[in-house]
Each structure stands twice: as C-alpha cells, then as structure tokens.
Amino acid sequence: MPKQEDRCSFCGRGRSQVALLISGMNGFICNECAEQADMIVKETFQKKRQAADSLGFSKETLPRP
C-alpha cells in the first residue's frame, strides 16, 4: 500500500501542489497558508496597536486652561 502524500492541514493541498510544506508536531502548513496567516497576524496587531495609541480625542479639540 503506497504512503499517502502529506497535506496542508489548513487547505488540504498535497506536498506536490505547493512550493513548501512545513511540518509541525501535529500537522503541516503550506507556504501559501503560512503567508496568509502572517498577514492576519500583522493586521490584527496593527489594529490593536492603533487602538492603544488612540487617546479617544484629538489635540485640536482638547480644552485649554
């Protein structure tokens, strides 16, 4: 019985269908899914950083003594 081809745990593409298949302890991720995950992480942290940097008001509308 031939061994089944390793597949990306996220999209299901086989090793022969992707440029790179990274193996982990419990699964695999292809280069395309890894790139998409990287973009999601960067966008999420950028939004959180922007929210933390925002004071909720602008300097122009801040009352002056």
PDB file of N, CA and C in Angstrom:
ATOM      1  N   MET A   1       0.849  -1.182   0.000  1.00  0.00           N
ATOM      2  CA  MET A   1       0.000   0.000   0.000  1.00  0.00           C
ATOM      3  C   MET A   1       0.894   1.245   0.000  1.00  0.00           C
ATOM      4  N   PRO A   2       0.724   2.148  -0.986  1.00  0.00           N
ATOM      5  CA  PRO A   2       1.567   3.350  -1.049  1.00  0.00           C
ATOM      6  C   PRO A   2       1.235   4.326   0.074  1.00  0.00           C
ATOM      7  N   LYS A   3       2.283   5.016   0.534  1.00  0.00           N
ATOM      8  CA  LYS A   3       2.107   6.006   1.600  1.00  0.00           C
ATOM      9  C   LYS A   3       1.331   7.199   1.050  1.00  0.00           C
ATOM     10  N   GLN A   4       0.381   7.710   1.831  1.00  0.00           N
ATOM     11  CA  GLN A   4      -0.376   8.886   1.409  1.00  0.00           C
ATOM     12  C   GLN A   4       0.519  10.113   1.432  1.00  0.00           C
ATOM     13  N   GLU A   5       0.269  11.010   0.484  1.00  0.00           N
ATOM     14  CA  GLU A   5       1.041  12.246   0.392  1.00  0.00           C
ATOM     15  C   GLU A   5       0.692  13.162   1.574  1.00  0.00           C
ATOM     16  N   ASP A   6       1.725  13.787   2.164  1.00  0.00           N
ATOM     17  CA  ASP A   6       1.491  14.760   3.227  1.00  0.00           C
ATOM     18  C   ASP A   6       0.709  15.930   2.655  1.00  0.00           C
ATOM     19  N   ARG A   7      -0.214  16.491   3.461  1.00  0.00           N
ATOM     20  CA  ARG A   7      -1.085  17.575   3.011  1.00  0.00           C
ATOM     21  C   ARG A   7      -1.108  18.705   4.030  1.00  0.00           C
ATOM     22  N   CYS A   8      -1.356  19.912   3.527  1.00  0.00           N
ATOM     23  CA  CYS A   8      -1.512  21.074   4.396  1.00  0.00           C
ATOM     24  C   CYS A   8      -2.751  20.851   5.262  1.00  0.00           C
ATOM     25  N   SER A   9      -2.614  21.045   6.546  1.00  0.00           N
ATOM     26  CA  SER A   9      -3.729  20.845   7.467  1.00  0.00           C
ATOM     27  C   SER A   9      -4.790  21.935   7.334  1.00  0.00           C
ATOM     28  N   PHE A  10      -4.477  23.030   6.649  1.00  0.00           N
ATOM     29  CA  PHE A  10      -5.409  24.143   6.511  1.00  0.00           C
ATOM     30  C   PHE A  10      -6.180  24.091   5.197  1.00  0.00           C
ATOM     31  N   CYS A  11      -5.477  23.942   4.075  1.00  0.00           N
ATOM     32  CA  CYS A  11      -6.146  23.986   2.770  1.00  0.00           C
ATOM     33  C   CYS A  11      -6.275  22.613   2.117  1.00  0.00           C
ATOM     34  N   GLY A  12      -5.538  21.635   2.596  1.00  0.00           N
ATOM     35  CA  GLY A  12      -5.644  20.283   2.068  1.00  0.00           C
ATOM     36  C   GLY A  12      -4.796  19.981   0.845  1.00  0.00           C
ATOM     37  N   ARG A  13      -4.037  20.969   0.366  1.00  0.00           N
ATOM     38  CA  ARG A  13      -3.187  20.713  -0.804  1.00  0.00           C
ATOM     39  C   ARG A  13      -2.038  19.776  -0.422  1.00  0.00           C
ATOM     40  N   GLY A  14      -1.675  18.921  -1.371  1.00  0.00           N
ATOM     41  CA  GLY A  14      -0.600  17.972  -1.147  1.00  0.00           C
ATOM     42  C   GLY A  14       0.772  18.596  -1.347  1.00  0.00           C
ATOM     43  N   ARG A  15       1.785  17.904  -0.857  1.00  0.00           N
ATOM     44  CA  ARG A  15       3.171  18.370  -0.969  1.00  0.00           C
ATOM     45  C   ARG A  15       3.541  18.692  -2.418  1.00  0.00           C
ATOM     46  N   SER A  16       3.032  17.920  -3.362  1.00  0.00           N
ATOM     47  CA  SER A  16       3.367  18.132  -4.775  1.00  0.00           C
ATOM     48  C   SER A  16       2.655  19.348  -5.376  1.00  0.00           C
ATOM     49  N   GLN A  17       1.705  19.929  -4.657  1.00  0.00           N
ATOM     50  CA  GLN A  17       0.931  21.061  -5.165  1.00  0.00           C
ATOM     51  C   GLN A  17       1.406  22.410  -4.624  1.00  0.00           C
ATOM     52  N   VAL A  18       2.351  22.399  -3.699  1.00  0.00           N
ATOM     53  CA  VAL A  18       2.803  23.646  -3.071  1.00  0.00           C
ATOM     54  C   VAL A  18       4.317  23.768  -3.183  1.00  0.00           C
ATOM     55  N   ALA A  19       4.812  24.993  -3.005  1.00  0.00           N
ATOM     56  CA  ALA A  19       6.257  25.218  -3.074  1.00  0.00           C
ATOM     57  C   ALA A  19       6.959  24.713  -1.822  1.00  0.00           C
ATOM     58  N   LEU A  20       6.273  24.812  -0.675  1.00  0.00           N
ATOM     59  CA  LEU A  20       6.882  24.420   0.598  1.00  0.00           C
ATOM     60  C   LEU A  20       5.806  23.896   1.525  1.00  0.00           C
ATOM     61  N   LEU A  21       6.065  22.799   2.188  1.00  0.00           N
ATOM     62  CA  LEU A  21       5.152  22.241   3.183  1.00  0.00           C
ATOM     63  C   LEU A  21       5.937  22.083   4.478  1.00  0.00           C
ATOM     64  N   ILE A  22       5.564  22.879   5.468  1.00  0.00           N
ATOM     65  CA  ILE A  22       6.270  22.886   6.751  1.00  0.00           C
ATOM     66  C   ILE A  22       5.581  21.902   7.680  1.00  0.00           C
ATOM     67  N   SER A  23       6.369  21.017   8.277  1.00  0.00           N
ATOM     68  CA  SER A  23       5.783  20.028   9.178  1.00  0.00           C
ATOM     69  C   SER A  23       5.915  20.489  10.622  1.00  0.00           C
ATOM     70  N   GLY A  24       4.865  20.216  11.375  1.00  0.00           N
ATOM     71  CA  GLY A  24       4.857  20.524  12.799  1.00  0.00           C
ATOM     72  C   GLY A  24       4.627  19.248  13.581  1.00  0.00           C
ATOM     73  N   MET A  25       4.419  19.396  14.863  1.00  0.00           N
ATOM     74  CA  MET A  25       4.233  18.215  15.708  1.00  0.00           C
ATOM     75  C   MET A  25       2.941  17.473  15.361  1.00  0.00           C
ATOM     76  N   ASN A  26       1.886  18.217  15.003  1.00  0.00           N
ATOM     77  CA  ASN A  26       0.587  17.586  14.770  1.00  0.00           C
ATOM     78  C   ASN A  26      -0.008  17.862  13.399  1.00  0.00           C
ATOM     79  N   GLY A  27       0.780  18.408  12.483  1.00  0.00           N
ATOM     80  CA  GLY A  27       0.231  18.700  11.167  1.00  0.00           C
ATOM     81  C   GLY A  27       1.221  19.418  10.278  1.00  0.00           C
ATOM     82  N   PHE A  28       0.688  19.941   9.183  1.00  0.00           N
ATOM     83  CA  PHE A  28       1.502  20.614   8.177  1.00  0.00           C
ATOM     84  C   PHE A  28       0.844  21.932   7.799  1.00  0.00           C
ATOM     85  N   ILE A  29       1.652  22.890   7.318  1.00  0.00           N
ATOM     86  CA  ILE A  29       1.133  24.134   6.760  1.00  0.00           C
ATOM     87  C   ILE A  29       1.953  24.461   5.519  1.00  0.00           C
ATOM     88  N   CYS A  30       1.246  24.831   4.444  1.00  0.00           N
ATOM     89  CA  CYS A  30       1.939  25.163   3.200  1.00  0.00           C
ATOM     90  C   CYS A  30       2.365  26.625   3.228  1.00  0.00           C
ATOM     91  N   ASN A  31       3.241  26.988   2.304  1.00  0.00           N
ATOM     92  CA  ASN A  31       3.754  28.356   2.258  1.00  0.00           C
ATOM     93  C   ASN A  31       2.641  29.377   2.030  1.00  0.00           C
ATOM     94  N   GLU A  32       1.640  29.036   1.235  1.00  0.00           N
ATOM     95  CA  GLU A  32       0.561  29.980   0.957  1.00  0.00           C
ATOM     96  C   GLU A  32      -0.302  30.221   2.196  1.00  0.00           C
ATOM     97  N   CYS A  33      -0.617  29.181   2.939  1.00  0.00           N
ATOM     98  CA  CYS A  33      -1.402  29.344   4.166  1.00  0.00           C
ATOM     99  C   CYS A  33      -0.580  30.064   5.233  1.00  0.00           C
ATOM    100  N   ALA A  34       0.718  29.795   5.280  1.00  0.00           N
ATOM    101  CA  ALA A  34       1.589  30.483   6.234  1.00  0.00           C
ATOM    102  C   ALA A  34       1.648  31.976   5.926  1.00  0.00           C
ATOM    103  N   GLU A  35       1.721  32.342   4.644  1.00  0.00           N
ATOM    104  CA  GLU A  35       1.733  33.756   4.254  1.00  0.00           C
ATOM    105  C   GLU A  35       0.419  34.431   4.628  1.00  0.00           C
ATOM    106  N   GLN A  36      -0.690  33.741   4.402  1.00  0.00           N
ATOM    107  CA  GLN A  36      -1.994  34.304   4.745  1.00  0.00           C
ATOM    108  C   GLN A  36      -2.117  34.474   6.262  1.00  0.00           C
ATOM    109  N   ALA A  37      -1.651  33.497   7.023  1.00  0.00           N
ATOM    110  CA  ALA A  37      -1.684  33.598   8.484  1.00  0.00           C
ATOM    111  C   ALA A  37      -0.815  34.756   8.961  1.00  0.00           C
ATOM    112  N   ASP A  38       0.334  34.947   8.340  1.00  0.00           N
ATOM    113  CA  ASP A  38       1.222  36.056   8.696  1.00  0.00           C
ATOM    114  C   ASP A  38       0.531  37.396   8.466  1.00  0.00           C
ATOM    115  N   MET A  39      -0.180  37.529   7.347  1.00  0.00           N
ATOM    116  CA  MET A  39      -0.904  38.772   7.062  1.00  0.00           C
ATOM    117  C   MET A  39      -1.992  39.023   8.105  1.00  0.00           C
ATOM    118  N   ILE A  40      -2.706  37.987   8.499  1.00  0.00           N
ATOM    119  CA  ILE A  40      -3.766  38.118   9.501  1.00  0.00           C
ATOM    120  C   ILE A  40      -3.183  38.570  10.830  1.00  0.00           C
ATOM    121  N   VAL A  41      -2.071  37.975  11.238  1.00  0.00           N
ATOM    122  CA  VAL A  41      -1.422  38.347  12.497  1.00  0.00           C
ATOM    123  C   VAL A  41      -0.971  39.806  12.452  1.00  0.00           C
ATOM    124  N   LYS A  42      -0.320  40.214  11.366  1.00  0.00           N
ATOM    125  CA  LYS A  42       0.160  41.594  11.248  1.00  0.00           C
ATOM    126  C   LYS A  42      -0.992  42.587  11.289  1.00  0.00           C
ATOM    127  N   GLU A  43      -2.074  42.308  10.559  1.00  0.00           N
ATOM    128  CA  GLU A  43      -3.233  43.207  10.545  1.00  0.00           C
ATOM    129  C   GLU A  43      -3.868  43.309  11.925  1.00  0.00           C
ATOM    130  N   THR A  44      -3.984  42.177  12.614  1.00  0.00           N
ATOM    131  CA  THR A  44      -4.597  42.167  13.939  1.00  0.00           C
ATOM    132  C   THR A  44      -3.782  42.988  14.923  1.00  0.00           C
ATOM    133  N   PHE A  45      -2.471  42.793  14.947  1.00  0.00           N
ATOM    134  CA  PHE A  45      -1.635  43.542  15.879  1.00  0.00           C
ATOM    135  C   PHE A  45      -1.556  45.014  15.507  1.00  0.00           C
ATOM    136  N   GLN A  46      -1.617  45.337  14.215  1.00  0.00           N
ATOM    137  CA  GLN A  46      -1.607  46.734  13.795  1.00  0.00           C
ATOM    138  C   GLN A  46      -2.871  47.434  14.295  1.00  0.00           C
ATOM    139  N   LYS A  47      -4.022  46.779  14.172  1.00  0.00           N
ATOM    140  CA  LYS A  47      -5.276  47.362  14.655  1.00  0.00           C
ATOM    141  C   LYS A  47      -5.235  47.553  16.168  1.00  0.00           C
ATOM    142  N   LYS A  48      -4.710  46.572  16.892  1.00  0.00           N
ATOM    143  CA  LYS A  48      -4.618  46.688  18.351  1.00  0.00           C
ATOM    144  C   LYS A  48      -3.669  47.811  18.741  1.00  0.00           C
ATOM    145  N   ARG A  49      -2.572  47.939  18.024  1.00  0.00           N
ATOM    146  CA  ARG A  49      -1.591  48.985  18.310  1.00  0.00           C
ATOM    147  C   ARG A  49      -2.198  50.360  18.047  1.00  0.00           C
ATOM    148  N   GLN A  50      -2.949  50.488  16.959  1.00  0.00           N
ATOM    149  CA  GLN A  50      -3.592  51.760  16.638  1.00  0.00           C
ATOM    150  C   GLN A  50      -4.630  52.123  17.695  1.00  0.00           C
ATOM    151  N   ALA A  51      -5.379  51.140  18.166  1.00  0.00           N
ATOM    152  CA  ALA A  51      -6.383  51.394  19.193  1.00  0.00           C
ATOM    153  C   ALA A  51      -5.718  51.821  20.495  1.00  0.00           C
ATOM    154  N   ALA A  52      -4.593  51.222  20.831  1.00  0.00           N
ATOM    155  CA  ALA A  52      -3.882  51.567  22.062  1.00  0.00           C
ATOM    156  C   ALA A  52      -3.256  52.953  21.958  1.00  0.00           C
ATOM    157  N   ASP A  53      -2.817  53.338  20.758  1.00  0.00           N
ATOM    158  CA  ASP A  53      -2.208  54.649  20.555  1.00  0.00           C
ATOM    159  C   ASP A  53      -3.244  55.765  20.547  1.00  0.00           C
ATOM    160  N   SER A  54      -4.489  55.429  20.257  1.00  0.00           N
ATOM    161  CA  SER A  54      -5.542  56.435  20.174  1.00  0.00           C
ATOM    162  C   SER A  54      -5.973  56.847  21.576  1.00  0.00           C
ATOM    163  N   LEU A  55      -6.030  58.150  21.804  1.00  0.00           N
ATOM    164  CA  LEU A  55      -6.448  58.657  23.109  1.00  0.00           C
ATOM    165  C   LEU A  55      -7.955  58.869  23.177  1.00  0.00           C
ATOM    166  N   GLY A  56      -8.634  58.746  22.064  1.00  0.00           N
ATOM    167  CA  GLY A  56     -10.070  58.931  22.048  1.00  0.00           C
ATOM    168  C   GLY A  56     -10.485  60.372  21.793  1.00  0.00           C
ATOM    169  N   PHE A  57      -9.525  61.269  21.637  1.00  0.00           N
ATOM    170  CA  PHE A  57      -9.810  62.664  21.308  1.00  0.00           C
ATOM    171  C   PHE A  57      -8.618  63.225  20.563  1.00  0.00           C
ATOM    172  N   SER A  58      -8.826  64.337  19.909  1.00  0.00           N
ATOM    173  CA  SER A  58      -7.718  64.948  19.179  1.00  0.00           C
ATOM    174  C   SER A  58      -7.164  66.121  19.967  1.00  0.00           C
ATOM    175  N   LYS A  59      -5.938  66.469  19.698  1.00  0.00           N
ATOM    176  CA  LYS A  59      -5.316  67.605  20.388  1.00  0.00           C
ATOM    177  C   LYS A  59      -6.034  68.906  20.052  1.00  0.00           C
ATOM    178  N   GLU A  60      -6.609  68.973  18.863  1.00  0.00           N
ATOM    179  CA  GLU A  60      -7.292  70.191  18.431  1.00  0.00           C
ATOM    180  C   GLU A  60      -8.555  70.462  19.244  1.00  0.00           C
ATOM    181  N   THR A  61      -9.239  69.413  19.693  1.00  0.00           N
ATOM    182  CA  THR A  61     -10.490  69.600  20.435  1.00  0.00           C
ATOM    183  C   THR A  61     -10.292  69.552  21.945  1.00  0.00           C
ATOM    184  N   LEU A  62      -9.090  69.380  22.387  1.00  0.00           N
ATOM    185  CA  LEU A  62      -8.799  69.315  23.822  1.00  0.00           C
ATOM    186  C   LEU A  62      -8.954  70.706  24.437  1.00  0.00           C
ATOM    187  N   PRO A  63      -9.776  70.849  25.489  1.00  0.00           N
ATOM    188  CA  PRO A  63      -9.925  72.159  26.130  1.00  0.00           C
ATOM    189  C   PRO A  63      -8.591  72.643  26.688  1.00  0.00           C
ATOM    190  N   ARG A  64      -8.379  73.945  26.594  1.00  0.00           N
ATOM    191  CA  ARG A  64      -7.137  74.535  27.101  1.00  0.00           C
ATOM    192  C   ARG A  64      -7.438  75.323  28.367  1.00  0.00           C
ATOM    193  N   PRO A  65      -6.494  75.323  29.281  1.00  0.00           N
ATOM    194  CA  PRO A  65      -6.721  76.060  30.535  1.00  0.00           C
ATOM    195  C   PRO A  65      -6.708  77.567  30.330  1.00  0.00           C
TER     196      PRO A  65
END
